[in-house]
Amino acid sequence: MARQQYRNRIEILQGTLDLLVLETLRWGAQHGYGISQVIRARSGEVFQVETGSLYPALHRMEKQGWIESEWGQTEQNQRAKFYQLTAEGRKQLVRDRSKWETLVAAMAGVMSPETGA
């Protein structure tokens, strides 16, 4: 079963990780491991964001002003950095979602053209 899940994994398109992280943080502050677990669970185990991809993305998004962080305690009483959306991050999420919806519609048009066209 694990081998089947590995074969079904899909590489996340560049730029899509930002959208996934911003969408995850839309529901409230979360630490890095929590973000990766939410993405994994909500994608049906298809997206498994590795720390080598996630943390550089979080740092980049923080520098861009889309998210901010502060230290806190996890449910297991461990110290962790918690990330949350900023006002600019919410605006970026709206822009990214719009681009994503356009991409999905365009892909659907190519993948499932009307019969007889």
N, C-alpha and C. Protein backbone atom coordinates (compact mmCIF):
# COMPACT_ATOMS: atom_id res chain seq x y z
N MET A 1 0.83 -1.20 0.00
CA MET A 1 0.00 0.00 0.00
C MET A 1 0.87 1.26 0.00
N ALA A 2 1.94 1.27 0.81
CA ALA A 2 2.81 2.44 0.87
C ALA A 2 3.44 2.71 -0.49
N ARG A 3 3.83 1.65 -1.20
CA ARG A 3 4.43 1.81 -2.52
C ARG A 3 3.42 2.43 -3.48
N GLN A 4 2.16 1.99 -3.40
CA GLN A 4 1.11 2.55 -4.26
C GLN A 4 0.92 4.03 -3.96
N GLN A 5 0.89 4.42 -2.69
CA GLN A 5 0.75 5.83 -2.33
C GLN A 5 1.92 6.63 -2.88
N TYR A 6 3.13 6.09 -2.81
CA TYR A 6 4.29 6.80 -3.30
C TYR A 6 4.18 7.02 -4.81
N ARG A 7 3.74 6.00 -5.53
CA ARG A 7 3.60 6.13 -6.98
C ARG A 7 2.53 7.13 -7.35
N ASN A 8 1.54 7.31 -6.51
CA ASN A 8 0.44 8.23 -6.79
C ASN A 8 0.74 9.67 -6.36
N ARG A 9 1.88 9.88 -5.73
CA ARG A 9 2.22 11.24 -5.31
C ARG A 9 2.40 12.13 -6.52
N ILE A 10 2.03 13.35 -6.38
CA ILE A 10 2.14 14.32 -7.46
C ILE A 10 3.05 15.44 -6.99
N GLU A 11 4.00 15.79 -7.82
CA GLU A 11 4.87 16.92 -7.50
C GLU A 11 4.03 18.20 -7.56
N ILE A 12 4.20 19.04 -6.57
CA ILE A 12 3.45 20.28 -6.51
C ILE A 12 4.07 21.28 -7.48
N LEU A 13 3.24 21.87 -8.33
CA LEU A 13 3.71 22.87 -9.28
C LEU A 13 4.30 24.07 -8.54
N GLN A 14 5.32 24.65 -9.12
CA GLN A 14 5.93 25.83 -8.52
C GLN A 14 4.85 26.91 -8.37
N GLY A 15 4.80 27.53 -7.23
CA GLY A 15 3.80 28.55 -6.96
C GLY A 15 2.57 27.99 -6.29
N THR A 16 2.30 26.71 -6.50
CA THR A 16 1.12 26.09 -5.91
C THR A 16 1.31 25.90 -4.41
N LEU A 17 2.54 25.66 -3.98
CA LEU A 17 2.80 25.49 -2.55
C LEU A 17 2.38 26.74 -1.79
N ASP A 18 2.68 27.91 -2.34
CA ASP A 18 2.27 29.16 -1.68
C ASP A 18 0.76 29.18 -1.49
N LEU A 19 0.03 28.84 -2.54
CA LEU A 19 -1.42 28.83 -2.46
C LEU A 19 -1.90 27.85 -1.40
N LEU A 20 -1.32 26.67 -1.36
CA LEU A 20 -1.73 25.67 -0.37
C LEU A 20 -1.47 26.15 1.06
N VAL A 21 -0.32 26.77 1.26
CA VAL A 21 0.02 27.27 2.60
C VAL A 21 -0.91 28.41 2.99
N LEU A 22 -1.11 29.37 2.08
CA LEU A 22 -1.99 30.50 2.39
C LEU A 22 -3.41 30.02 2.67
N GLU A 23 -3.87 29.06 1.89
CA GLU A 23 -5.22 28.51 2.10
C GLU A 23 -5.32 27.83 3.46
N THR A 24 -4.29 27.10 3.83
CA THR A 24 -4.27 26.42 5.13
C THR A 24 -4.31 27.43 6.27
N LEU A 25 -3.56 28.53 6.12
CA LEU A 25 -3.51 29.54 7.18
C LEU A 25 -4.76 30.42 7.22
N ARG A 26 -5.58 30.32 6.19
CA ARG A 26 -6.83 31.09 6.18
C ARG A 26 -7.70 30.72 7.38
N TRP A 27 -7.56 29.50 7.87
CA TRP A 27 -8.39 29.01 8.98
C TRP A 27 -7.77 29.28 10.34
N GLY A 28 -6.60 29.91 10.37
CA GLY A 28 -5.98 30.26 11.64
C GLY A 28 -4.51 29.91 11.68
N ALA A 29 -3.84 30.40 12.71
CA ALA A 29 -2.40 30.20 12.87
C ALA A 29 -2.08 28.71 12.99
N GLN A 30 -0.91 28.35 12.48
CA GLN A 30 -0.50 26.95 12.48
C GLN A 30 1.02 26.90 12.45
N HIS A 31 1.59 25.88 13.08
CA HIS A 31 3.04 25.69 13.00
C HIS A 31 3.37 24.89 11.74
N GLY A 32 4.63 24.87 11.36
CA GLY A 32 5.05 24.26 10.11
C GLY A 32 4.60 22.82 9.94
N TYR A 33 4.85 22.00 10.95
CA TYR A 33 4.45 20.60 10.87
C TYR A 33 2.94 20.48 10.70
N GLY A 34 2.20 21.32 11.41
CA GLY A 34 0.74 21.31 11.30
C GLY A 34 0.29 21.68 9.90
N ILE A 35 0.95 22.65 9.28
CA ILE A 35 0.62 23.05 7.91
C ILE A 35 0.80 21.86 6.98
N SER A 36 1.94 21.18 7.11
CA SER A 36 2.20 20.03 6.22
C SER A 36 1.19 18.92 6.44
N GLN A 37 0.77 18.71 7.68
CA GLN A 37 -0.21 17.66 7.96
C GLN A 37 -1.59 18.00 7.41
N VAL A 38 -1.98 19.27 7.50
CA VAL A 38 -3.28 19.68 6.94
C VAL A 38 -3.28 19.50 5.43
N ILE A 39 -2.20 19.93 4.77
CA ILE A 39 -2.12 19.78 3.32
C ILE A 39 -2.18 18.30 2.94
N ARG A 40 -1.45 17.49 3.67
CA ARG A 40 -1.44 16.05 3.39
C ARG A 40 -2.83 15.45 3.57
N ALA A 41 -3.49 15.76 4.68
CA ALA A 41 -4.81 15.19 4.96
C ALA A 41 -5.85 15.67 3.96
N ARG A 42 -5.87 16.96 3.68
CA ARG A 42 -6.90 17.52 2.78
C ARG A 42 -6.69 17.11 1.33
N SER A 43 -5.48 16.68 0.99
CA SER A 43 -5.22 16.24 -0.38
C SER A 43 -5.39 14.73 -0.53
N GLY A 44 -5.91 14.08 0.48
CA GLY A 44 -6.07 12.64 0.42
C GLY A 44 -4.74 11.91 0.37
N GLU A 45 -3.75 12.45 1.07
CA GLU A 45 -2.40 11.88 1.15
C GLU A 45 -1.61 12.02 -0.16
N VAL A 46 -2.10 12.78 -1.12
CA VAL A 46 -1.39 12.95 -2.39
C VAL A 46 -0.24 13.93 -2.25
N PHE A 47 -0.48 15.07 -1.60
CA PHE A 47 0.56 16.07 -1.40
C PHE A 47 1.24 15.82 -0.07
N GLN A 48 2.52 15.55 -0.12
CA GLN A 48 3.32 15.38 1.09
C GLN A 48 4.44 16.41 1.02
N VAL A 49 4.23 17.51 1.69
CA VAL A 49 5.18 18.63 1.62
C VAL A 49 6.34 18.34 2.56
N GLU A 50 7.52 18.25 1.97
CA GLU A 50 8.73 17.98 2.74
C GLU A 50 9.23 19.26 3.40
N THR A 51 9.90 19.12 4.53
CA THR A 51 10.40 20.28 5.25
C THR A 51 11.37 21.10 4.41
N GLY A 52 12.12 20.43 3.52
CA GLY A 52 13.06 21.12 2.66
C GLY A 52 12.39 22.05 1.66
N SER A 53 11.10 21.86 1.42
CA SER A 53 10.32 22.75 0.57
C SER A 53 9.48 23.72 1.38
N LEU A 54 8.92 23.23 2.48
CA LEU A 54 7.99 24.04 3.26
C LEU A 54 8.66 25.23 3.94
N TYR A 55 9.74 24.99 4.68
CA TYR A 55 10.31 26.08 5.48
C TYR A 55 10.92 27.19 4.64
N PRO A 56 11.61 26.88 3.53
CA PRO A 56 12.04 27.99 2.68
C PRO A 56 10.86 28.80 2.13
N ALA A 57 9.76 28.11 1.81
CA ALA A 57 8.56 28.82 1.32
C ALA A 57 7.98 29.70 2.42
N LEU A 58 7.93 29.20 3.64
CA LEU A 58 7.41 30.00 4.76
C LEU A 58 8.28 31.23 4.98
N HIS A 59 9.59 31.07 4.94
CA HIS A 59 10.49 32.21 5.14
C HIS A 59 10.33 33.24 4.01
N ARG A 60 10.21 32.75 2.79
CA ARG A 60 10.03 33.65 1.64
C ARG A 60 8.71 34.41 1.76
N MET A 61 7.64 33.70 2.13
CA MET A 61 6.33 34.36 2.26
C MET A 61 6.33 35.36 3.41
N GLU A 62 7.09 35.07 4.45
CA GLU A 62 7.20 36.01 5.57
C GLU A 62 7.94 37.27 5.11
N LYS A 63 9.00 37.11 4.33
CA LYS A 63 9.73 38.27 3.81
C LYS A 63 8.86 39.11 2.88
N GLN A 64 7.96 38.46 2.16
CA GLN A 64 7.05 39.18 1.25
C GLN A 64 5.91 39.85 2.00
N GLY A 65 5.79 39.57 3.29
CA GLY A 65 4.74 40.20 4.09
C GLY A 65 3.39 39.50 4.01
N TRP A 66 3.36 38.28 3.46
CA TRP A 66 2.10 37.56 3.34
C TRP A 66 1.72 36.84 4.63
N ILE A 67 2.73 36.48 5.41
CA ILE A 67 2.50 35.81 6.69
C ILE A 67 3.40 36.43 7.73
N GLU A 68 3.05 36.21 8.97
CA GLU A 68 3.90 36.63 10.09
C GLU A 68 3.98 35.46 11.06
N SER A 69 4.99 35.48 11.90
CA SER A 69 5.17 34.35 12.81
C SER A 69 5.46 34.83 14.22
N GLU A 70 5.18 33.92 15.14
CA GLU A 70 5.57 34.14 16.54
C GLU A 70 5.72 32.78 17.20
N TRP A 71 6.57 32.75 18.20
CA TRP A 71 6.83 31.51 18.91
C TRP A 71 5.68 31.19 19.85
N GLY A 72 5.36 29.92 19.96
CA GLY A 72 4.31 29.47 20.86
C GLY A 72 4.51 28.01 21.24
N GLN A 73 3.52 27.44 21.89
CA GLN A 73 3.57 26.05 22.34
C GLN A 73 2.59 25.21 21.53
N THR A 74 3.04 24.03 21.10
CA THR A 74 2.16 23.10 20.38
C THR A 74 1.26 22.37 21.38
N GLU A 75 0.37 21.55 20.85
CA GLU A 75 -0.52 20.75 21.69
C GLU A 75 0.30 19.79 22.57
N GLN A 76 1.50 19.43 22.08
CA GLN A 76 2.38 18.52 22.83
C GLN A 76 3.34 19.30 23.73
N ASN A 77 3.05 20.58 23.92
CA ASN A 77 3.83 21.45 24.81
C ASN A 77 5.27 21.62 24.32
N GLN A 78 5.45 21.64 22.99
CA GLN A 78 6.76 21.89 22.42
C GLN A 78 6.78 23.30 21.85
N ARG A 79 7.94 23.91 21.91
CA ARG A 79 8.11 25.26 21.36
C ARG A 79 8.14 25.19 19.84
N ALA A 80 7.35 26.02 19.19
CA ALA A 80 7.31 26.02 17.73
C ALA A 80 6.94 27.41 17.23
N LYS A 81 7.31 27.69 16.01
CA LYS A 81 6.95 28.95 15.37
C LYS A 81 5.59 28.78 14.71
N PHE A 82 4.66 29.66 15.05
CA PHE A 82 3.32 29.63 14.47
C PHE A 82 3.20 30.74 13.44
N TYR A 83 2.61 30.40 12.31
CA TYR A 83 2.47 31.33 11.19
C TYR A 83 1.01 31.70 11.03
N GLN A 84 0.77 32.96 10.63
CA GLN A 84 -0.59 33.39 10.36
C GLN A 84 -0.59 34.38 9.21
N LEU A 85 -1.74 34.47 8.54
CA LEU A 85 -1.88 35.38 7.41
C LEU A 85 -1.87 36.83 7.86
N THR A 86 -1.31 37.68 7.03
CA THR A 86 -1.42 39.12 7.21
C THR A 86 -2.51 39.62 6.26
N ALA A 87 -2.83 40.89 6.34
CA ALA A 87 -3.80 41.48 5.41
C ALA A 87 -3.31 41.33 3.98
N GLU A 88 -2.00 41.54 3.76
CA GLU A 88 -1.43 41.38 2.42
C GLU A 88 -1.49 39.92 1.98
N GLY A 89 -1.33 39.01 2.92
CA GLY A 89 -1.43 37.59 2.61
C GLY A 89 -2.84 37.19 2.18
N ARG A 90 -3.84 37.80 2.79
CA ARG A 90 -5.23 37.53 2.38
C ARG A 90 -5.47 38.04 0.95
N LYS A 91 -4.90 39.19 0.63
CA LYS A 91 -5.02 39.72 -0.74
C LYS A 91 -4.32 38.79 -1.73
N GLN A 92 -3.14 38.31 -1.35
CA GLN A 92 -2.39 37.40 -2.22
C GLN A 92 -3.16 36.10 -2.41
N LEU A 93 -3.80 35.62 -1.37
CA LEU A 93 -4.60 34.40 -1.47
C LEU A 93 -5.73 34.57 -2.48
N VAL A 94 -6.39 35.71 -2.46
CA VAL A 94 -7.46 35.98 -3.43
C VAL A 94 -6.89 35.98 -4.85
N ARG A 95 -5.73 36.64 -5.05
CA ARG A 95 -5.10 36.67 -6.38
C ARG A 95 -4.71 35.26 -6.84
N ASP A 96 -4.09 34.50 -5.94
CA ASP A 96 -3.64 33.15 -6.30
C ASP A 96 -4.81 32.21 -6.58
N ARG A 97 -5.86 32.34 -5.79
CA ARG A 97 -7.05 31.49 -6.02
C ARG A 97 -7.66 31.80 -7.39
N SER A 98 -7.72 33.06 -7.76
CA SER A 98 -8.27 33.46 -9.05
C SER A 98 -7.44 32.86 -10.18
N LYS A 99 -6.11 32.94 -10.07
CA LYS A 99 -5.24 32.35 -11.09
C LYS A 99 -5.44 30.84 -11.15
N TRP A 100 -5.55 30.21 -9.99
CA TRP A 100 -5.73 28.76 -9.93
C TRP A 100 -7.05 28.35 -10.59
N GLU A 101 -8.12 29.07 -10.31
CA GLU A 101 -9.42 28.75 -10.89
C GLU A 101 -9.38 28.91 -12.41
N THR A 102 -8.65 29.91 -12.91
CA THR A 102 -8.50 30.09 -14.35
C THR A 102 -7.72 28.92 -14.94
N LEU A 103 -6.66 28.50 -14.28
CA LEU A 103 -5.86 27.36 -14.74
C LEU A 103 -6.69 26.08 -14.78
N VAL A 104 -7.46 25.83 -13.72
CA VAL A 104 -8.28 24.62 -13.65
C VAL A 104 -9.31 24.62 -14.78
N ALA A 105 -9.96 25.74 -15.02
CA ALA A 105 -10.96 25.84 -16.09
C ALA A 105 -10.30 25.61 -17.46
N ALA A 106 -9.11 26.16 -17.66
CA ALA A 106 -8.41 25.99 -18.93
C ALA A 106 -8.00 24.53 -19.12
N MET A 107 -7.49 23.91 -18.07
CA MET A 107 -7.11 22.49 -18.14
C MET A 107 -8.33 21.62 -18.44
N ALA A 108 -9.44 21.90 -17.78
CA ALA A 108 -10.66 21.13 -18.01
C ALA A 108 -11.12 21.27 -19.46
N GLY A 109 -10.98 22.45 -20.01
CA GLY A 109 -11.35 22.66 -21.41
C GLY A 109 -10.52 21.85 -22.37
N VAL A 110 -9.25 21.71 -22.08
CA VAL A 110 -8.36 20.92 -22.93
C VAL A 110 -8.58 19.42 -22.71
N MET A 111 -8.74 19.04 -21.44
CA MET A 111 -8.85 17.62 -21.12
C MET A 111 -10.21 17.02 -21.47
N SER A 112 -11.25 17.83 -21.44
CA SER A 112 -12.60 17.34 -21.71
C SER A 112 -13.32 18.25 -22.68
N PRO A 113 -12.85 18.30 -23.92
CA PRO A 113 -13.53 19.19 -24.89
C PRO A 113 -14.93 18.67 -25.18
N GLU A 114 -15.76 19.57 -25.58
CA GLU A 114 -17.13 19.19 -25.93
C GLU A 114 -17.11 18.21 -27.10
N THR A 115 -18.01 17.25 -27.07
CA THR A 115 -18.06 16.26 -28.15
C THR A 115 -18.55 16.93 -29.43
N GLY A 116 -17.97 16.53 -30.53
CA GLY A 116 -18.37 17.07 -31.82
C GLY A 116 -17.74 18.39 -32.15
N ALA A 117 -16.84 18.90 -31.31
CA ALA A 117 -16.21 20.20 -31.58
C ALA A 117 -15.11 20.07 -32.58
